[in-house]
mmCIF file of all heavy atoms, coordinates in Angstrom:
data_MODEL
# 
_entry.id   MODEL 
# 
loop_
_atom_site.group_PDB 
_atom_site.id 
_atom_site.type_symbol 
_atom_site.label_atom_id 
_atom_site.label_alt_id 
_atom_site.label_comp_id 
_atom_site.label_asym_id 
_atom_site.label_entity_id 
_atom_site.label_seq_id 
_atom_site.pdbx_PDB_ins_code 
_atom_site.Cartn_x 
_atom_site.Cartn_y 
_atom_site.Cartn_z 
_atom_site.occupancy 
_atom_site.B_iso_or_equiv 
_atom_site.pdbx_formal_charge 
_atom_site.auth_seq_id 
_atom_site.auth_comp_id 
_atom_site.auth_asym_id 
_atom_site.auth_atom_id 
_atom_site.pdbx_PDB_model_num 
ATOM 1   N N   . LEU A 1 1  ? -0.912 2.777   -5.404 1.00 0.00 ? 1  LEU A N   1 
ATOM 2   C CA  . LEU A 1 1  ? -2.230 2.762   -4.823 1.00 0.00 ? 1  LEU A CA  1 
ATOM 3   C C   . LEU A 1 1  ? -2.668 4.140   -4.319 1.00 0.00 ? 1  LEU A C   1 
ATOM 4   O O   . LEU A 1 1  ? -3.833 4.457   -4.354 1.00 0.00 ? 1  LEU A O   1 
ATOM 5   C CB  . LEU A 1 1  ? -2.322 1.752   -3.660 1.00 0.00 ? 1  LEU A CB  1 
ATOM 6   C CG  . LEU A 1 1  ? -2.189 0.272   -4.067 1.00 0.00 ? 1  LEU A CG  1 
ATOM 7   C CD1 . LEU A 1 1  ? -2.132 -0.603  -2.819 1.00 0.00 ? 1  LEU A CD1 1 
ATOM 8   C CD2 . LEU A 1 1  ? -3.385 -0.150  -4.967 1.00 0.00 ? 1  LEU A CD2 1 
ATOM 9   N N   . SER A 1 2  ? -1.678 4.942   -3.828 1.00 0.00 ? 2  SER A N   1 
ATOM 10  C CA  . SER A 1 2  ? -2.027 6.202   -3.210 1.00 0.00 ? 2  SER A CA  1 
ATOM 11  C C   . SER A 1 2  ? -1.652 7.444   -4.004 1.00 0.00 ? 2  SER A C   1 
ATOM 12  O O   . SER A 1 2  ? -2.264 8.507   -3.904 1.00 0.00 ? 2  SER A O   1 
ATOM 13  C CB  . SER A 1 2  ? -1.365 6.295   -1.827 1.00 0.00 ? 2  SER A CB  1 
ATOM 14  O OG  . SER A 1 2  ? 0.023  6.408   -1.903 1.00 0.00 ? 2  SER A OG  1 
ATOM 15  N N   . GLY A 1 3  ? -0.553 7.338   -4.844 1.00 0.00 ? 3  GLY A N   1 
ATOM 16  C CA  . GLY A 1 3  ? -0.024 8.496   -5.507 1.00 0.00 ? 3  GLY A CA  1 
ATOM 17  C C   . GLY A 1 3  ? 0.492  9.547   -4.607 1.00 0.00 ? 3  GLY A C   1 
ATOM 18  O O   . GLY A 1 3  ? 0.689  10.715  -4.979 1.00 0.00 ? 3  GLY A O   1 
ATOM 19  N N   . SER A 1 4  ? 0.862  9.198   -3.380 1.00 0.00 ? 4  SER A N   1 
ATOM 20  C CA  . SER A 1 4  ? 1.305  10.148  -2.396 1.00 0.00 ? 4  SER A CA  1 
ATOM 21  C C   . SER A 1 4  ? 2.682  9.832   -1.845 1.00 0.00 ? 4  SER A C   1 
ATOM 22  O O   . SER A 1 4  ? 2.937  8.689   -1.405 1.00 0.00 ? 4  SER A O   1 
ATOM 23  C CB  . SER A 1 4  ? 0.284  10.179  -1.223 1.00 0.00 ? 4  SER A CB  1 
ATOM 24  O OG  . SER A 1 4  ? 0.804  10.958  -0.180 1.00 0.00 ? 4  SER A OG  1 
ATOM 25  N N   . THR A 1 5  ? 3.593  10.805  -1.835 1.00 0.00 ? 5  THR A N   1 
ATOM 26  C CA  . THR A 1 5  ? 4.912  10.628  -1.228 1.00 0.00 ? 5  THR A CA  1 
ATOM 27  C C   . THR A 1 5  ? 4.773  10.570  0.287  1.00 0.00 ? 5  THR A C   1 
ATOM 28  O O   . THR A 1 5  ? 5.565  9.947   0.986  1.00 0.00 ? 5  THR A O   1 
ATOM 29  C CB  . THR A 1 5  ? 5.874  11.796  -1.583 1.00 0.00 ? 5  THR A CB  1 
ATOM 30  O OG1 . THR A 1 5  ? 5.296  13.037  -1.126 1.00 0.00 ? 5  THR A OG1 1 
ATOM 31  C CG2 . THR A 1 5  ? 6.156  11.821  -3.074 1.00 0.00 ? 5  THR A CG2 1 
ATOM 32  N N   . LEU A 1 6  ? 3.724  11.110  0.820  1.00 0.00 ? 6  LEU A N   1 
ATOM 33  C CA  . LEU A 1 6  ? 3.486  11.048  2.279  1.00 0.00 ? 6  LEU A CA  1 
ATOM 34  C C   . LEU A 1 6  ? 3.191  9.592   2.721  1.00 0.00 ? 6  LEU A C   1 
ATOM 35  O O   . LEU A 1 6  ? 3.709  9.133   3.723  1.00 0.00 ? 6  LEU A O   1 
ATOM 36  C CB  . LEU A 1 6  ? 2.303  11.936  2.642  1.00 0.00 ? 6  LEU A CB  1 
ATOM 37  C CG  . LEU A 1 6  ? 2.017  12.100  4.146  1.00 0.00 ? 6  LEU A CG  1 
ATOM 38  C CD1 . LEU A 1 6  ? 3.203  12.726  4.872  1.00 0.00 ? 6  LEU A CD1 1 
ATOM 39  C CD2 . LEU A 1 6  ? 0.740  12.921  4.366  1.00 0.00 ? 6  LEU A CD2 1 
ATOM 40  N N   . VAL A 1 7  ? 2.442  8.875   1.903  1.00 0.00 ? 7  VAL A N   1 
ATOM 41  C CA  . VAL A 1 7  ? 2.116  7.487   2.221  1.00 0.00 ? 7  VAL A CA  1 
ATOM 42  C C   . VAL A 1 7  ? 3.385  6.633   2.084  1.00 0.00 ? 7  VAL A C   1 
ATOM 43  O O   . VAL A 1 7  ? 3.695  5.778   2.936  1.00 0.00 ? 7  VAL A O   1 
ATOM 44  C CB  . VAL A 1 7  ? 1.014  6.953   1.316  1.00 0.00 ? 7  VAL A CB  1 
ATOM 45  C CG1 . VAL A 1 7  ? 0.849  5.463   1.447  1.00 0.00 ? 7  VAL A CG1 1 
ATOM 46  C CG2 . VAL A 1 7  ? -0.334 7.632   1.616  1.00 0.00 ? 7  VAL A CG2 1 
ATOM 47  N N   . THR A 1 8  ? 4.116  6.819   0.965  1.00 0.00 ? 8  THR A N   1 
ATOM 48  C CA  . THR A 1 8  ? 5.365  6.006   0.784  1.00 0.00 ? 8  THR A CA  1 
ATOM 49  C C   . THR A 1 8  ? 6.360  6.308   1.832  1.00 0.00 ? 8  THR A C   1 
ATOM 50  O O   . THR A 1 8  ? 7.074  5.428   2.315  1.00 0.00 ? 8  THR A O   1 
ATOM 51  C CB  . THR A 1 8  ? 5.972  6.245   -0.617 1.00 0.00 ? 8  THR A CB  1 
ATOM 52  O OG1 . THR A 1 8  ? 6.251  7.619   -0.760 1.00 0.00 ? 8  THR A OG1 1 
ATOM 53  C CG2 . THR A 1 8  ? 5.030  5.788   -1.700 1.00 0.00 ? 8  THR A CG2 1 
ATOM 54  N N   . GLY A 1 9  ? 6.444  7.594   2.299  1.00 0.00 ? 9  GLY A N   1 
ATOM 55  C CA  . GLY A 1 9  ? 7.373  7.957   3.361  1.00 0.00 ? 9  GLY A CA  1 
ATOM 56  C C   . GLY A 1 9  ? 7.003  7.288   4.683  1.00 0.00 ? 9  GLY A C   1 
ATOM 57  O O   . GLY A 1 9  ? 7.877  6.821   5.358  1.00 0.00 ? 9  GLY A O   1 
ATOM 58  N N   . ALA A 1 10 ? 5.710  7.259   4.979  1.00 0.00 ? 10 ALA A N   1 
ATOM 59  C CA  . ALA A 1 10 ? 5.258  6.626   6.229  1.00 0.00 ? 10 ALA A CA  1 
ATOM 60  C C   . ALA A 1 10 ? 5.527  5.133   6.199  1.00 0.00 ? 10 ALA A C   1 
ATOM 61  O O   . ALA A 1 10 ? 5.990  4.590   7.191  1.00 0.00 ? 10 ALA A O   1 
ATOM 62  C CB  . ALA A 1 10 ? 3.757  6.902   6.429  1.00 0.00 ? 10 ALA A CB  1 
ATOM 63  N N   . LEU A 1 11 ? 5.222  4.477   5.099  1.00 0.00 ? 11 LEU A N   1 
ATOM 64  C CA  . LEU A 1 11 ? 5.484  3.029   4.987  1.00 0.00 ? 11 LEU A CA  1 
ATOM 65  C C   . LEU A 1 11 ? 7.000  2.725   5.067  1.00 0.00 ? 11 LEU A C   1 
ATOM 66  O O   . LEU A 1 11 ? 7.416  1.784   5.719  1.00 0.00 ? 11 LEU A O   1 
ATOM 67  C CB  . LEU A 1 11 ? 4.906  2.484   3.679  1.00 0.00 ? 11 LEU A CB  1 
ATOM 68  C CG  . LEU A 1 11 ? 5.038  0.968   3.462  1.00 0.00 ? 11 LEU A CG  1 
ATOM 69  C CD1 . LEU A 1 11 ? 4.201  0.249   4.513  1.00 0.00 ? 11 LEU A CD1 1 
ATOM 70  C CD2 . LEU A 1 11 ? 4.566  0.596   2.071  1.00 0.00 ? 11 LEU A CD2 1 
ATOM 71  N N   . ASN A 1 12 ? 7.805  3.512   4.389  1.00 0.00 ? 12 ASN A N   1 
ATOM 72  C CA  . ASN A 1 12 ? 9.239  3.297   4.394  1.00 0.00 ? 12 ASN A CA  1 
ATOM 73  C C   . ASN A 1 12 ? 9.816  3.529   5.773  1.00 0.00 ? 12 ASN A C   1 
ATOM 74  O O   . ASN A 1 12 ? 10.745 2.855   6.175  1.00 0.00 ? 12 ASN A O   1 
ATOM 75  C CB  . ASN A 1 12 ? 9.929  4.238   3.394  1.00 0.00 ? 12 ASN A CB  1 
ATOM 76  C CG  . ASN A 1 12 ? 11.386 3.815   3.127  1.00 0.00 ? 12 ASN A CG  1 
ATOM 77  O OD1 . ASN A 1 12 ? 11.606 2.674   2.797  1.00 0.00 ? 12 ASN A OD1 1 
ATOM 78  N ND2 . ASN A 1 12 ? 12.305 4.723   3.224  1.00 0.00 ? 12 ASN A ND2 1 
ATOM 79  N N   . SER A 1 13 ? 9.229  4.446   6.515  1.00 0.00 ? 13 SER A N   1 
ATOM 80  C CA  . SER A 1 13 ? 9.703  4.716   7.882  1.00 0.00 ? 13 SER A CA  1 
ATOM 81  C C   . SER A 1 13 ? 9.490  3.469   8.778  1.00 0.00 ? 13 SER A C   1 
ATOM 82  O O   . SER A 1 13 ? 10.309 3.185   9.624  1.00 0.00 ? 13 SER A O   1 
ATOM 83  C CB  . SER A 1 13 ? 9.011  5.886   8.492  1.00 0.00 ? 13 SER A CB  1 
ATOM 84  O OG  . SER A 1 13 ? 7.637  5.671   8.727  1.00 0.00 ? 13 SER A OG  1 
ATOM 85  N N   . ILE A 1 14 ? 8.434  2.725   8.531  1.00 0.00 ? 14 ILE A N   1 
ATOM 86  C CA  . ILE A 1 14 ? 8.177  1.489   9.268  1.00 0.00 ? 14 ILE A CA  1 
ATOM 87  C C   . ILE A 1 14 ? 9.201  0.440   8.928  1.00 0.00 ? 14 ILE A C   1 
ATOM 88  O O   . ILE A 1 14 ? 9.792  -0.264  9.799  1.00 0.00 ? 14 ILE A O   1 
ATOM 89  C CB  . ILE A 1 14 ? 6.742  0.937   8.994  1.00 0.00 ? 14 ILE A CB  1 
ATOM 90  C CG1 . ILE A 1 14 ? 5.701  1.953   9.560  1.00 0.00 ? 14 ILE A CG1 1 
ATOM 91  C CG2 . ILE A 1 14 ? 6.571  -0.434  9.647  1.00 0.00 ? 14 ILE A CG2 1 
ATOM 92  C CD1 . ILE A 1 14 ? 4.281  1.526   9.234  1.00 0.00 ? 14 ILE A CD1 1 
ATOM 93  N N   . LEU A 1 15 ? 9.512  0.323   7.599  1.00 0.00 ? 15 LEU A N   1 
ATOM 94  C CA  . LEU A 1 15 ? 10.495 -0.683  7.174  1.00 0.00 ? 15 LEU A CA  1 
ATOM 95  C C   . LEU A 1 15 ? 11.857 -0.360  7.652  1.00 0.00 ? 15 LEU A C   1 
ATOM 96  O O   . LEU A 1 15 ? 12.751 -1.246  7.785  1.00 0.00 ? 15 LEU A O   1 
ATOM 97  C CB  . LEU A 1 15 ? 10.474 -0.789  5.645  1.00 0.00 ? 15 LEU A CB  1 
ATOM 98  C CG  . LEU A 1 15 ? 9.172  -1.322  4.998  1.00 0.00 ? 15 LEU A CG  1 
ATOM 99  C CD1 . LEU A 1 15 ? 9.300  -1.224  3.451  1.00 0.00 ? 15 LEU A CD1 1 
ATOM 100 C CD2 . LEU A 1 15 ? 8.943  -2.749  5.426  1.00 0.00 ? 15 LEU A CD2 1 
ATOM 101 N N   . LEU A 1 16 ? 12.111 0.921   7.985  1.00 0.00 ? 16 LEU A N   1 
ATOM 102 C CA  . LEU A 1 16 ? 13.449 1.332   8.416  1.00 0.00 ? 16 LEU A CA  1 
ATOM 103 C C   . LEU A 1 16 ? 13.552 1.344   9.970  1.00 0.00 ? 16 LEU A C   1 
ATOM 104 O O   . LEU A 1 16 ? 14.599 1.655   10.542 1.00 0.00 ? 16 LEU A O   1 
ATOM 105 C CB  . LEU A 1 16 ? 13.760 2.758   7.927  1.00 0.00 ? 16 LEU A CB  1 
ATOM 106 C CG  . LEU A 1 16 ? 13.999 2.875   6.404  1.00 0.00 ? 16 LEU A CG  1 
ATOM 107 C CD1 . LEU A 1 16 ? 14.105 4.353   6.024  1.00 0.00 ? 16 LEU A CD1 1 
ATOM 108 C CD2 . LEU A 1 16 ? 15.228 2.110   5.988  1.00 0.00 ? 16 LEU A CD2 1 
ATOM 109 N N   . LEU A 1 17 ? 12.478 0.991   10.674 1.00 0.00 ? 17 LEU A N   1 
ATOM 110 C CA  . LEU A 1 17 ? 12.490 1.028   12.143 1.00 0.00 ? 17 LEU A CA  1 
ATOM 111 C C   . LEU A 1 17 ? 13.535 0.141   12.824 1.00 0.00 ? 17 LEU A C   1 
ATOM 112 O O   . LEU A 1 17 ? 13.947 0.392   13.930 1.00 0.00 ? 17 LEU A O   1 
ATOM 113 C CB  . LEU A 1 17 ? 11.094 0.701   12.698 1.00 0.00 ? 17 LEU A CB  1 
ATOM 114 C CG  . LEU A 1 17 ? 10.129 1.833   12.765 1.00 0.00 ? 17 LEU A CG  1 
ATOM 115 C CD1 . LEU A 1 17 ? 8.747  1.374   13.241 1.00 0.00 ? 17 LEU A CD1 1 
ATOM 116 C CD2 . LEU A 1 17 ? 10.623 2.997   13.635 1.00 0.00 ? 17 LEU A CD2 1 
ATOM 117 N N   . PRO A 1 18 ? 13.999 -0.984  12.158 1.00 0.00 ? 18 PRO A N   1 
ATOM 118 C CA  . PRO A 1 18 ? 15.083 -1.746  12.797 1.00 0.00 ? 18 PRO A CA  1 
ATOM 119 C C   . PRO A 1 18 ? 16.301 -0.878  13.171 1.00 0.00 ? 18 PRO A C   1 
ATOM 120 O O   . PRO A 1 18 ? 16.966 -1.200  14.148 1.00 0.00 ? 18 PRO A O   1 
ATOM 121 C CB  . PRO A 1 18 ? 15.413 -2.840  11.739 1.00 0.00 ? 18 PRO A CB  1 
ATOM 122 C CG  . PRO A 1 18 ? 14.132 -3.035  11.034 1.00 0.00 ? 18 PRO A CG  1 
ATOM 123 C CD  . PRO A 1 18 ? 13.468 -1.716  10.954 1.00 0.00 ? 18 PRO A CD  1 
ATOM 124 N N   . TRP A 1 19 ? 16.580 0.149   12.409 1.00 0.00 ? 19 TRP A N   1 
ATOM 125 C CA  . TRP A 1 19 ? 17.667 1.042   12.724 1.00 0.00 ? 19 TRP A CA  1 
ATOM 126 C C   . TRP A 1 19 ? 17.433 1.751   14.080 1.00 0.00 ? 19 TRP A C   1 
ATOM 127 O O   . TRP A 1 19 ? 18.356 1.996   14.815 1.00 0.00 ? 19 TRP A O   1 
ATOM 128 C CB  . TRP A 1 19 ? 17.854 2.092   11.647 1.00 0.00 ? 19 TRP A CB  1 
ATOM 129 C CG  . TRP A 1 19 ? 18.374 1.567   10.380 1.00 0.00 ? 19 TRP A CG  1 
ATOM 130 C CD1 . TRP A 1 19 ? 17.665 1.100   9.310  1.00 0.00 ? 19 TRP A CD1 1 
ATOM 131 C CD2 . TRP A 1 19 ? 19.749 1.437   10.023 1.00 0.00 ? 19 TRP A CD2 1 
ATOM 132 N NE1 . TRP A 1 19 ? 18.496 0.650   8.290  1.00 0.00 ? 19 TRP A NE1 1 
ATOM 133 C CE2 . TRP A 1 19 ? 19.803 0.895   8.717  1.00 0.00 ? 19 TRP A CE2 1 
ATOM 134 C CE3 . TRP A 1 19 ? 20.939 1.726   10.662 1.00 0.00 ? 19 TRP A CE3 1 
ATOM 135 C CZ2 . TRP A 1 19 ? 21.005 0.606   8.050  1.00 0.00 ? 19 TRP A CZ2 1 
ATOM 136 C CZ3 . TRP A 1 19 ? 22.152 1.510   9.995  1.00 0.00 ? 19 TRP A CZ3 1 
ATOM 137 C CH2 . TRP A 1 19 ? 22.156 0.910   8.732  1.00 0.00 ? 19 TRP A CH2 1 
ATOM 138 N N   . LEU A 1 20 ? 16.184 2.022   14.361 1.00 0.00 ? 20 LEU A N   1 
ATOM 139 C CA  . LEU A 1 20 ? 15.835 2.726   15.620 1.00 0.00 ? 20 LEU A CA  1 
ATOM 140 C C   . LEU A 1 20 ? 15.751 1.719   16.790 1.00 0.00 ? 20 LEU A C   1 
ATOM 141 O O   . LEU A 1 20 ? 16.168 2.057   17.894 1.00 0.00 ? 20 LEU A O   1 
ATOM 142 C CB  . LEU A 1 20 ? 14.467 3.432   15.413 1.00 0.00 ? 20 LEU A CB  1 
ATOM 143 C CG  . LEU A 1 20 ? 13.867 4.088   16.679 1.00 0.00 ? 20 LEU A CG  1 
ATOM 144 C CD1 . LEU A 1 20 ? 14.769 5.152   17.243 1.00 0.00 ? 20 LEU A CD1 1 
ATOM 145 C CD2 . LEU A 1 20 ? 12.483 4.642   16.336 1.00 0.00 ? 20 LEU A CD2 1 
ATOM 146 N N   . LEU A 1 21 ? 15.232 0.539   16.553 1.00 0.00 ? 21 LEU A N   1 
ATOM 147 C CA  . LEU A 1 21 ? 14.925 -0.387  17.622 1.00 0.00 ? 21 LEU A CA  1 
ATOM 148 C C   . LEU A 1 21 ? 16.018 -1.371  17.930 1.00 0.00 ? 21 LEU A C   1 
ATOM 149 O O   . LEU A 1 21 ? 15.890 -2.148  18.894 1.00 0.00 ? 21 LEU A O   1 
ATOM 150 C CB  . LEU A 1 21 ? 13.625 -1.119  17.313 1.00 0.00 ? 21 LEU A CB  1 
ATOM 151 C CG  . LEU A 1 21 ? 12.378 -0.259  17.139 1.00 0.00 ? 21 LEU A CG  1 
ATOM 152 C CD1 . LEU A 1 21 ? 11.178 -1.093  16.736 1.00 0.00 ? 21 LEU A CD1 1 
ATOM 153 C CD2 . LEU A 1 21 ? 12.074 0.556   18.388 1.00 0.00 ? 21 LEU A CD2 1 
ATOM 154 N N   . GLN A 1 22 ? 17.093 -1.410  17.088 1.00 0.00 ? 22 GLN A N   1 
ATOM 155 C CA  . GLN A 1 22 ? 18.061 -2.471  17.267 1.00 0.00 ? 22 GLN A CA  1 
ATOM 156 C C   . GLN A 1 22 ? 18.834 -2.383  18.601 1.00 0.00 ? 22 GLN A C   1 
ATOM 157 O O   . GLN A 1 22 ? 19.437 -3.335  19.016 1.00 0.00 ? 22 GLN A O   1 
ATOM 158 C CB  . GLN A 1 22 ? 19.017 -2.550  16.093 1.00 0.00 ? 22 GLN A CB  1 
ATOM 159 C CG  . GLN A 1 22 ? 19.856 -1.320  15.897 1.00 0.00 ? 22 GLN A CG  1 
ATOM 160 C CD  . GLN A 1 22 ? 20.783 -1.444  14.715 1.00 0.00 ? 22 GLN A CD  1 
ATOM 161 O OE1 . GLN A 1 22 ? 21.857 -2.054  14.767 1.00 0.00 ? 22 GLN A OE1 1 
ATOM 162 N NE2 . GLN A 1 22 ? 20.400 -0.872  13.571 1.00 0.00 ? 22 GLN A NE2 1 
ATOM 163 N N   . VAL A 1 23 ? 18.800 -1.238  19.269 1.00 0.00 ? 23 VAL A N   1 
ATOM 164 C CA  . VAL A 1 23 ? 19.423 -1.143  20.570 1.00 0.00 ? 23 VAL A CA  1 
ATOM 165 C C   . VAL A 1 23 ? 18.807 -2.158  21.547 1.00 0.00 ? 23 VAL A C   1 
ATOM 166 O O   . VAL A 1 23 ? 19.459 -2.636  22.447 1.00 0.00 ? 23 VAL A O   1 
ATOM 167 C CB  . VAL A 1 23 ? 19.306 0.284   21.141 1.00 0.00 ? 23 VAL A CB  1 
ATOM 168 C CG1 . VAL A 1 23 ? 17.843 0.641   21.438 1.00 0.00 ? 23 VAL A CG1 1 
ATOM 169 C CG2 . VAL A 1 23 ? 20.168 0.469   22.391 1.00 0.00 ? 23 VAL A CG2 1 
ATOM 170 N N   . PHE A 1 24 ? 17.509 -2.432  21.358 1.00 0.00 ? 24 PHE A N   1 
ATOM 171 C CA  . PHE A 1 24 ? 16.823 -3.407  22.194 1.00 0.00 ? 24 PHE A CA  1 
ATOM 172 C C   . PHE A 1 24 ? 17.145 -4.866  21.801 1.00 0.00 ? 24 PHE A C   1 
ATOM 173 O O   . PHE A 1 24 ? 16.943 -5.757  22.609 1.00 0.00 ? 24 PHE A O   1 
ATOM 174 C CB  . PHE A 1 24 ? 15.328 -3.180  22.183 1.00 0.00 ? 24 PHE A CB  1 
ATOM 175 C CG  . PHE A 1 24 ? 14.923 -1.770  22.574 1.00 0.00 ? 24 PHE A CG  1 
ATOM 176 C CD1 . PHE A 1 24 ? 14.450 -0.842  21.658 1.00 0.00 ? 24 PHE A CD1 1 
ATOM 177 C CD2 . PHE A 1 24 ? 15.026 -1.378  23.889 1.00 0.00 ? 24 PHE A CD2 1 
ATOM 178 C CE1 . PHE A 1 24 ? 14.101 0.430   22.049 1.00 0.00 ? 24 PHE A CE1 1 
ATOM 179 C CE2 . PHE A 1 24 ? 14.682 -0.098  24.277 1.00 0.00 ? 24 PHE A CE2 1 
ATOM 180 C CZ  . PHE A 1 24 ? 14.235 0.805   23.370 1.00 0.00 ? 24 PHE A CZ  1 
ATOM 181 N N   . ALA A 1 25 ? 17.670 -5.015  20.599 1.00 0.00 ? 25 ALA A N   1 
ATOM 182 C CA  . ALA A 1 25 ? 18.042 -6.336  20.125 1.00 0.00 ? 25 ALA A CA  1 
ATOM 183 C C   . ALA A 1 25 ? 19.465 -6.717  20.563 1.00 0.00 ? 25 ALA A C   1 
ATOM 184 O O   . ALA A 1 25 ? 19.800 -7.886  20.665 1.00 0.00 ? 25 ALA A O   1 
ATOM 185 C CB  . ALA A 1 25 ? 17.901 -6.403  18.605 1.00 0.00 ? 25 ALA A CB  1 
ATOM 186 N N   . GLY A 1 26 ? 20.264 -5.697  20.841 1.00 0.00 ? 26 GLY A N   1 
ATOM 187 C CA  . GLY A 1 26 ? 21.665 -5.972  21.146 1.00 0.00 ? 26 GLY A CA  1 
ATOM 188 C C   . GLY A 1 26 ? 21.907 -6.948  22.272 1.00 0.00 ? 26 GLY A C   1 
ATOM 189 O O   . GLY A 1 26 ? 22.631 -7.922  22.127 1.00 0.00 ? 26 GLY A O   1 
ATOM 190 N N   . PRO A 1 27 ? 21.275 -6.749  23.447 1.00 0.00 ? 27 PRO A N   1 
ATOM 191 C CA  . PRO A 1 27 ? 21.425 -7.710  24.541 1.00 0.00 ? 27 PRO A CA  1 
ATOM 192 C C   . PRO A 1 27 ? 20.999 -9.132  24.184 1.00 0.00 ? 27 PRO A C   1 
ATOM 193 O O   . PRO A 1 27 ? 21.587 -10.078 24.646 1.00 0.00 ? 27 PRO A O   1 
ATOM 194 C CB  . PRO A 1 27 ? 20.602 -7.122  25.666 1.00 0.00 ? 27 PRO A CB  1 
ATOM 195 C CG  . PRO A 1 27 ? 20.532 -5.653  25.367 1.00 0.00 ? 27 PRO A CG  1 
ATOM 196 C CD  . PRO A 1 27 ? 20.488 -5.575  23.864 1.00 0.00 ? 27 PRO A CD  1 
ATOM 197 N N   . LEU A 1 28 ? 19.936 -9.218  23.382 1.00 0.00 ? 28 LEU A N   1 
ATOM 198 C CA  . LEU A 1 28 ? 19.469 -10.555 22.964 1.00 0.00 ? 28 LEU A CA  1 
ATOM 199 C C   . LEU A 1 28 ? 20.487 -11.241 22.095 1.00 0.00 ? 28 LEU A C   1 
ATOM 200 O O   . LEU A 1 28 ? 20.735 -12.426 22.199 1.00 0.00 ? 28 LEU A O   1 
ATOM 201 C CB  . LEU A 1 28 ? 18.145 -10.446 22.228 1.00 0.00 ? 28 LEU A CB  1 
ATOM 202 C CG  . LEU A 1 28 ? 16.985 -9.833  23.026 1.00 0.00 ? 28 LEU A CG  1 
ATOM 203 C CD1 . LEU A 1 28 ? 15.705 -9.721  22.206 1.00 0.00 ? 28 LEU A CD1 1 
ATOM 204 C CD2 . LEU A 1 28 ? 16.685 -10.655 24.290 1.00 0.00 ? 28 LEU A CD2 1 
ATOM 205 N N   . ILE A 1 29 ? 21.097 -10.448 21.160 1.00 0.00 ? 29 ILE A N   1 
ATOM 206 C CA  . ILE A 1 29 ? 22.108 -11.019 20.274 1.00 0.00 ? 29 ILE A CA  1 
ATOM 207 C C   . ILE A 1 29 ? 23.291 -11.566 21.053 1.00 0.00 ? 29 ILE A C   1 
ATOM 208 O O   . ILE A 1 29 ? 23.828 -12.608 20.732 1.00 0.00 ? 29 ILE A O   1 
ATOM 209 C CB  . ILE A 1 29 ? 22.578 -9.915  19.310 1.00 0.00 ? 29 ILE A CB  1 
ATOM 210 C CG1 . ILE A 1 29 ? 21.466 -9.541  18.281 1.00 0.00 ? 29 ILE A CG1 1 
ATOM 211 C CG2 . ILE A 1 29 ? 23.803 -10.356 18.524 1.00 0.00 ? 29 ILE A CG2 1 
ATOM 212 C CD1 . ILE A 1 29 ? 21.025 -10.696 17.450 1.00 0.00 ? 29 ILE A CD1 1 
ATOM 213 N N   . ASP A 1 30 ? 23.704 -10.868 22.096 1.00 0.00 ? 30 ASP A N   1 
ATOM 214 C CA  . ASP A 1 30 ? 24.811 -11.264 22.885 1.00 0.00 ? 30 ASP A CA  1 
ATOM 215 C C   . ASP A 1 30 ? 24.569 -12.515 23.738 1.00 0.00 ? 30 ASP A C   1 
ATOM 216 O O   . ASP A 1 30 ? 25.511 -13.130 24.246 1.00 0.00 ? 30 ASP A O   1 
ATOM 217 C CB  . ASP A 1 30 ? 25.341 -10.077 23.776 1.00 0.00 ? 30 ASP A CB  1 
ATOM 218 C CG  . ASP A 1 30 ? 26.050 -9.067  22.987 1.00 0.00 ? 30 ASP A CG  1 
ATOM 219 O OD1 . ASP A 1 30 ? 26.674 -9.399  21.946 1.00 0.00 ? 30 ASP A OD1 1 
ATOM 220 O OD2 . ASP A 1 30 ? 26.056 -7.866  23.395 1.00 0.00 ? 30 ASP A OD2 1 
ATOM 221 N N   . ARG A 1 31 ? 23.276 -12.817 23.995 1.00 0.00 ? 31 ARG A N   1 
ATOM 222 C CA  . ARG A 1 31 ? 22.967 -13.867 24.948 1.00 0.00 ? 31 ARG A CA  1 
ATOM 223 C C   . ARG A 1 31 ? 22.151 -15.032 24.385 1.00 0.00 ? 31 ARG A C   1 
ATOM 224 O O   . ARG A 1 31 ? 22.306 -16.163 24.885 1.00 0.00 ? 31 ARG A O   1 
ATOM 225 C CB  . ARG A 1 31 ? 22.196 -13.262 26.152 1.00 0.00 ? 31 ARG A CB  1 
ATOM 226 C CG  . ARG A 1 31 ? 23.090 -12.304 26.953 1.00 0.00 ? 31 ARG A CG  1 
ATOM 227 C CD  . ARG A 1 31 ? 22.352 -11.751 28.117 1.00 0.00 ? 31 ARG A CD  1 
ATOM 228 N NE  . ARG A 1 31 ? 23.218 -10.879 28.944 1.00 0.00 ? 31 ARG A NE  1 
ATOM 229 C CZ  . ARG A 1 31 ? 23.981 -11.316 29.940 1.00 0.00 ? 31 ARG A CZ  1 
ATOM 230 N NH1 . ARG A 1 31 ? 24.006 -12.580 30.226 1.00 0.00 ? 31 ARG A NH1 1 
ATOM 231 N NH2 . ARG A 1 31 ? 24.731 -10.457 30.641 1.00 0.00 ? 31 ARG A NH2 1 
# 
């Protein structure tokens, strides 16, 4: 749709955010 690596990079960074945010999921997983 865009023909841009900048757009695909931005979208992929959102899909990869669980790697960044999982520290907040850790306590929930344990409890």
